[in-house]
Amino acid sequence: MTDELFNVENKICIVTGGLGQIGKNFVQELNKRGAKVAVWGRTVNNERIAKTLGEQALTDANLRFYSVDITNKERMNEVLDDMEAAWGAAPDVLVNNAGIDTQPSAPPEVSGPFENFPEEVFREVVNVNLVGTFLACQAVGARMVKSGKGGSIINVGSIYGMVSPIQDIYAYKKERTGIPFIKPVAYSAAKSGIYNLTRYLATYWGKEGIRVNTLTPAGVWRDTQDETFIANFTARMPMGRMSQENEYNGALIFLASKASSFMTGSNLIIDGGWTAW
């Protein structure tokens, strides 16, 4: 028996960055629960789809795949037209998951001191993470308003949009290589803007039945991460570990379903206690 409170069956959902580490888990969870899911990504092809989601995803009628640059509103509207033609209705759920960040393996020219941080890199990160989210909300939200059926927009934030990065975590890079790694300002600045964008849209679209919330994750474990970085990061984490990539699925389903029907303009923090210090 389906639990109606958390039911997303037949909802038309969009997941940007849908072939990324967290995004693929969102896609799989929504698909498993009977939703129709449009997967948006910068680079989408059959080989990557099969590698990320499995061969069966290529023939699943409840999945559609699109190459979308979220900084290109015209392209988003083309894709939305195609989705509505295929599925006969406007989207019910938008998950703004796409984004870019600077990893500890980044070269020194994009991970050095603030005083020398490249303006063009700052603009690129803000353009994707904040402007791209703004444009996706604009394009999809307009369809939700026109349809009159409401909807749920879930903007993915970050602990580094709420609090400043702890630079000590990365100090070992200089000790090891002689070249410092400074967690850059661009990602933090861009993600912090997501929170007030969420609050603004929650009040703006509240009477349209469109709920807008932020989901804030913490660091996600990957087997390609440096062991020293993992040790330093988890030493600061109250739960003593990084998250697994599927540990945000429950929060996603909560925000996409009737279970959160009276929740808008809020920030759901799933961070292992990072921001509780």
Protein backbone atom coordinates (compact mmCIF):
# COMPACT_ATOMS: atom_id res chain seq x y z
CA MET A 1 0.00 0.00 0.00
CA THR A 2 1.32 3.42 -0.99
CA ASP A 3 1.83 5.89 1.85
CA GLU A 4 -0.11 8.89 0.55
CA LEU A 5 1.77 11.26 2.82
CA PHE A 6 5.05 10.61 1.00
CA ASN A 7 3.57 9.68 -2.36
CA VAL A 8 5.32 11.09 -5.47
CA GLU A 9 3.82 8.63 -7.96
CA ASN A 10 3.19 10.23 -11.38
CA LYS A 11 4.60 13.57 -10.27
CA ILE A 12 6.60 15.22 -13.03
CA CYS A 13 10.01 16.02 -11.55
CA ILE A 14 13.13 17.74 -12.82
CA VAL A 15 16.54 17.05 -11.30
CA THR A 16 19.32 19.33 -12.50
CA GLY A 17 22.77 17.82 -12.25
CA GLY A 18 20.89 14.54 -12.37
CA LEU A 19 23.89 12.40 -13.30
CA GLY A 20 26.08 13.74 -10.50
CA GLN A 21 26.83 11.99 -7.22
CA ILE A 22 23.82 13.21 -5.24
CA GLY A 23 21.68 13.89 -8.29
CA LYS A 24 21.72 10.30 -9.54
CA ASN A 25 20.44 9.15 -6.14
CA PHE A 26 17.61 11.67 -6.31
CA VAL A 27 16.70 10.42 -9.79
CA GLN A 28 16.78 6.77 -8.73
CA GLU A 29 14.68 7.37 -5.61
CA LEU A 30 12.02 9.37 -7.44
CA ASN A 31 11.95 6.83 -10.27
CA LYS A 32 11.65 3.92 -7.83
CA ARG A 33 8.62 5.61 -6.29
CA GLY A 34 6.84 6.00 -9.62
CA ALA A 35 7.60 9.63 -10.48
CA LYS A 36 8.29 10.83 -14.00
CA VAL A 37 11.79 12.28 -13.90
CA ALA A 38 13.52 14.61 -16.35
CA VAL A 39 17.26 14.41 -15.86
CA TRP A 40 19.06 17.62 -16.80
CA GLY A 41 22.83 17.72 -17.07
CA ARG A 42 25.56 19.63 -18.82
CA THR A 43 26.84 16.49 -20.56
CA VAL A 44 24.17 13.85 -21.18
CA ASN A 45 24.71 10.92 -23.54
CA ASN A 46 23.73 7.26 -23.63
CA GLU A 47 27.12 6.07 -22.44
CA ARG A 48 27.07 8.27 -19.35
CA ILE A 49 23.42 7.46 -18.62
CA ALA A 50 24.07 3.71 -18.77
CA LYS A 51 27.22 4.01 -16.65
CA THR A 52 25.49 6.12 -14.00
CA LEU A 53 21.94 4.71 -13.86
CA GLY A 54 22.23 1.39 -15.69
CA GLU A 55 21.22 0.25 -19.18
CA GLN A 56 17.54 -0.07 -18.19
CA ALA A 57 17.32 3.70 -17.72
CA LEU A 58 17.67 4.20 -21.48
CA THR A 59 14.31 2.51 -22.15
CA ASP A 60 12.36 3.62 -19.07
CA ALA A 61 9.34 5.67 -20.19
CA ASN A 62 9.32 7.48 -16.85
CA LEU A 63 12.80 8.89 -17.47
CA ARG A 64 13.76 11.56 -19.98
CA PHE A 65 17.28 12.91 -20.45
CA TYR A 66 18.35 16.34 -21.62
CA SER A 67 21.63 18.16 -22.14
CA VAL A 68 20.93 21.49 -20.44
CA ASP A 69 23.17 24.40 -19.52
CA ILE A 70 21.24 25.93 -16.63
CA THR A 71 22.66 29.36 -17.44
CA ASN A 72 20.78 29.20 -20.77
CA LYS A 73 17.11 30.00 -20.17
CA GLU A 74 16.17 29.59 -23.83
CA ARG A 75 17.45 26.00 -23.78
CA MET A 76 15.53 25.29 -20.57
CA ASN A 77 12.29 26.49 -22.16
CA GLU A 78 12.89 24.27 -25.21
CA VAL A 79 13.30 21.28 -22.90
CA LEU A 80 10.22 22.21 -20.88
CA ASP A 81 8.18 22.35 -24.10
CA ASP A 82 9.40 18.85 -24.99
CA MET A 83 8.59 17.53 -21.51
CA GLU A 84 5.06 18.94 -21.58
CA ALA A 85 4.48 17.46 -25.02
CA ALA A 86 5.70 14.05 -23.85
CA TRP A 87 4.04 13.92 -20.43
CA GLY A 88 1.05 16.22 -21.01
CA ALA A 89 1.51 18.49 -18.01
CA ALA A 90 3.75 21.07 -16.38
CA PRO A 91 6.36 20.00 -13.81
CA ASP A 92 5.32 19.34 -10.21
CA VAL A 93 8.80 19.31 -8.68
CA LEU A 94 12.06 21.08 -9.50
CA VAL A 95 15.24 19.98 -7.75
CA ASN A 96 17.97 22.57 -8.29
CA ASN A 97 20.89 20.28 -7.64
CA ALA A 98 23.37 21.33 -10.37
CA GLY A 99 26.46 23.17 -9.25
CA ILE A 100 30.23 23.42 -9.42
CA ASP A 101 32.80 23.59 -6.61
CA THR A 102 36.58 23.65 -6.19
CA GLN A 103 37.96 20.35 -4.94
CA PRO A 104 41.16 19.91 -2.86
CA SER A 105 42.82 18.48 -5.98
CA ALA A 106 42.33 21.76 -7.86
CA PRO A 107 45.40 23.55 -9.28
CA PRO A 108 46.87 26.46 -7.29
CA GLU A 109 45.71 29.12 -9.75
CA VAL A 110 42.08 28.51 -8.69
CA SER A 111 42.68 27.54 -5.05
CA GLY A 112 45.17 30.07 -3.78
CA PRO A 113 44.80 33.02 -1.40
CA PHE A 114 41.70 35.22 -1.56
CA GLU A 115 43.77 38.24 -2.57
CA ASN A 116 44.69 36.53 -5.85
CA PHE A 117 41.50 34.57 -6.54
CA PRO A 118 40.65 34.95 -10.25
CA GLU A 119 37.66 37.14 -10.99
CA GLU A 120 36.66 34.99 -13.96
CA VAL A 121 36.49 31.87 -11.77
CA PHE A 122 34.40 33.72 -9.18
CA ARG A 123 31.98 34.82 -11.91
CA GLU A 124 31.75 31.30 -13.37
CA VAL A 125 30.97 29.66 -10.01
CA VAL A 126 28.38 32.28 -9.10
CA ASN A 127 26.90 32.07 -12.59
CA VAL A 128 26.31 28.32 -12.37
CA ASN A 129 25.41 27.93 -8.71
CA LEU A 130 23.31 31.05 -8.13
CA VAL A 131 22.33 32.55 -11.48
CA GLY A 132 21.62 29.08 -12.89
CA THR A 133 19.33 28.30 -9.95
CA PHE A 134 17.61 31.66 -10.41
CA LEU A 135 17.01 30.98 -14.12
CA ALA A 136 15.73 27.44 -13.51
CA CYS A 137 13.32 28.76 -10.89
CA GLN A 138 12.16 31.41 -13.34
CA ALA A 139 11.60 29.02 -16.23
CA VAL A 140 10.01 26.17 -14.28
CA GLY A 141 8.16 28.36 -11.78
CA ALA A 142 6.43 30.20 -14.63
CA ARG A 143 5.09 26.86 -15.91
CA MET A 144 3.90 25.92 -12.43
CA VAL A 145 2.06 29.23 -12.09
CA LYS A 146 0.45 28.87 -15.51
CA SER A 147 -0.70 25.31 -14.77
CA GLY A 148 -2.46 26.42 -11.58
CA LYS A 149 -1.62 23.17 -9.81
CA GLY A 150 1.19 24.47 -7.60
CA GLY A 151 4.42 22.62 -7.07
CA SER A 152 7.55 22.17 -4.99
CA ILE A 153 10.93 23.73 -5.72
CA ILE A 154 13.88 22.30 -3.81
CA ASN A 155 17.08 24.34 -3.96
CA VAL A 156 20.21 22.51 -2.86
CA GLY A 157 22.39 24.62 -0.59
CA SER A 158 25.57 23.73 1.28
CA ILE A 159 27.02 23.95 4.78
CA TYR A 160 29.61 26.24 3.17
CA GLY A 161 26.79 28.59 2.22
CA MET A 162 25.73 28.77 5.88
CA VAL A 163 29.11 28.92 7.60
CA SER A 164 32.63 29.65 6.42
CA PRO A 165 34.92 26.79 5.37
CA ILE A 166 37.39 25.66 8.03
CA GLN A 167 40.67 26.30 6.26
CA ASP A 168 42.66 24.19 8.75
CA ILE A 169 41.17 21.08 7.13
CA TYR A 170 43.16 21.82 3.99
CA ALA A 171 46.43 22.98 5.61
CA TYR A 172 48.07 19.60 4.99
CA LYS A 173 48.22 20.37 1.27
CA LYS A 174 50.90 23.02 1.84
CA GLU A 175 52.74 20.82 4.29
CA ARG A 176 52.78 18.01 1.74
CA THR A 177 53.43 19.90 -1.50
CA GLY A 178 54.58 23.36 -0.50
CA ILE A 179 51.55 24.81 -2.31
CA PRO A 180 48.64 26.03 -0.17
CA PHE A 181 45.04 25.07 -0.84
CA ILE A 182 42.58 27.73 0.28
CA LYS A 183 38.93 26.70 0.02
CA PRO A 184 37.75 29.47 -2.31
CA VAL A 185 35.19 32.17 -1.59
CA ALA A 186 33.14 31.72 -4.79
CA TYR A 187 31.21 28.58 -3.79
CA SER A 188 30.38 29.94 -0.34
CA ALA A 189 29.22 33.27 -1.74
CA ALA A 190 27.09 31.63 -4.42
CA LYS A 191 25.48 29.07 -2.12
CA SER A 192 24.71 31.67 0.53
CA GLY A 193 22.60 33.50 -2.05
CA ILE A 194 20.43 30.39 -2.47
CA TYR A 195 18.93 30.84 0.99
CA ASN A 196 17.44 34.27 0.38
CA LEU A 197 16.41 33.32 -3.16
CA THR A 198 14.43 30.50 -1.54
CA ARG A 199 12.83 32.81 1.03
CA TYR A 200 12.00 35.41 -1.61
CA LEU A 201 10.29 32.91 -3.90
CA ALA A 202 8.46 31.25 -1.01
CA THR A 203 6.75 34.55 -0.21
CA TYR A 204 6.34 35.55 -3.84
CA TRP A 205 4.67 32.29 -4.95
CA GLY A 206 3.07 31.25 -1.66
CA LYS A 207 -0.51 31.98 -2.73
CA GLU A 208 0.09 30.14 -6.01
CA GLY A 209 0.55 26.90 -4.09
CA ILE A 210 4.24 26.73 -5.03
CA ARG A 211 6.44 25.80 -2.09
CA VAL A 212 10.13 26.69 -2.19
CA ASN A 213 12.61 25.23 0.29
CA THR A 214 16.33 24.68 0.61
CA LEU A 215 17.95 21.31 1.32
CA THR A 216 21.40 21.71 2.87
CA PRO A 217 23.80 18.75 2.65
CA ALA A 218 27.28 18.35 4.12
CA GLY A 219 30.37 16.69 2.68
CA VAL A 220 29.70 13.46 0.77
CA TRP A 221 32.18 10.60 0.88
CA ARG A 222 33.83 9.45 -2.34
CA ASP A 223 36.43 6.75 -2.79
CA THR A 224 38.58 9.16 -4.79
CA GLN A 225 39.03 11.56 -1.86
CA ASP A 226 42.38 12.04 -0.18
CA GLU A 227 42.59 10.03 3.07
CA THR A 228 44.05 12.99 4.96
CA PHE A 229 41.24 15.23 3.82
CA ILE A 230 38.65 12.65 4.96
CA ALA A 231 40.34 12.30 8.35
CA ASN A 232 40.51 16.08 8.85
CA PHE A 233 36.92 16.61 7.73
CA THR A 234 35.42 13.83 9.84
CA ALA A 235 37.36 14.99 12.92
CA ARG A 236 35.21 18.16 12.76
CA MET A 237 31.97 16.29 12.19
CA PRO A 238 29.88 15.53 15.33
CA MET A 239 28.78 12.20 13.83
CA GLY A 240 32.38 11.33 13.04
CA ARG A 241 31.90 10.57 9.35
CA MET A 242 31.00 12.08 6.00
CA SER A 243 27.57 11.40 4.52
CA GLN A 244 26.81 8.60 2.11
CA GLU A 245 25.50 9.80 -1.24
CA ASN A 246 21.99 8.37 -0.67
CA GLU A 247 21.41 9.90 2.78
CA TYR A 248 19.56 12.91 1.37
CA ASN A 249 16.87 10.86 -0.39
CA GLY A 250 14.50 10.88 2.56
CA ALA A 251 14.66 14.65 2.85
CA LEU A 252 14.07 14.98 -0.88
CA ILE A 253 10.92 12.82 -0.81
CA PHE A 254 9.67 14.72 2.24
CA LEU A 255 10.07 18.07 0.43
CA ALA A 256 8.59 16.79 -2.85
CA SER A 257 5.49 15.26 -1.27
CA LYS A 258 2.43 16.17 0.81
CA ALA A 259 4.46 15.37 3.92
CA SER A 260 5.82 18.93 3.77
CA SER A 261 2.60 20.58 2.55
CA PHE A 262 2.79 23.47 5.07
CA MET A 263 6.54 24.02 4.72
CA THR A 264 7.93 26.81 2.56
CA GLY A 265 10.79 29.27 2.80
CA SER A 266 12.64 26.88 5.09
CA ASN A 267 16.05 25.29 5.18
CA LEU A 268 16.19 21.55 5.89
CA ILE A 269 19.71 20.87 7.14
CA ILE A 270 21.04 17.31 6.78
CA ASP A 271 24.66 17.79 7.79
CA GLY A 272 25.62 15.28 10.49
CA GLY A 273 25.67 18.14 12.99
CA TRP A 274 28.31 20.27 11.20
CA THR A 275 26.46 23.55 11.74
CA ALA A 276 25.52 22.66 15.33
CA TRP A 277 28.97 23.54 16.71
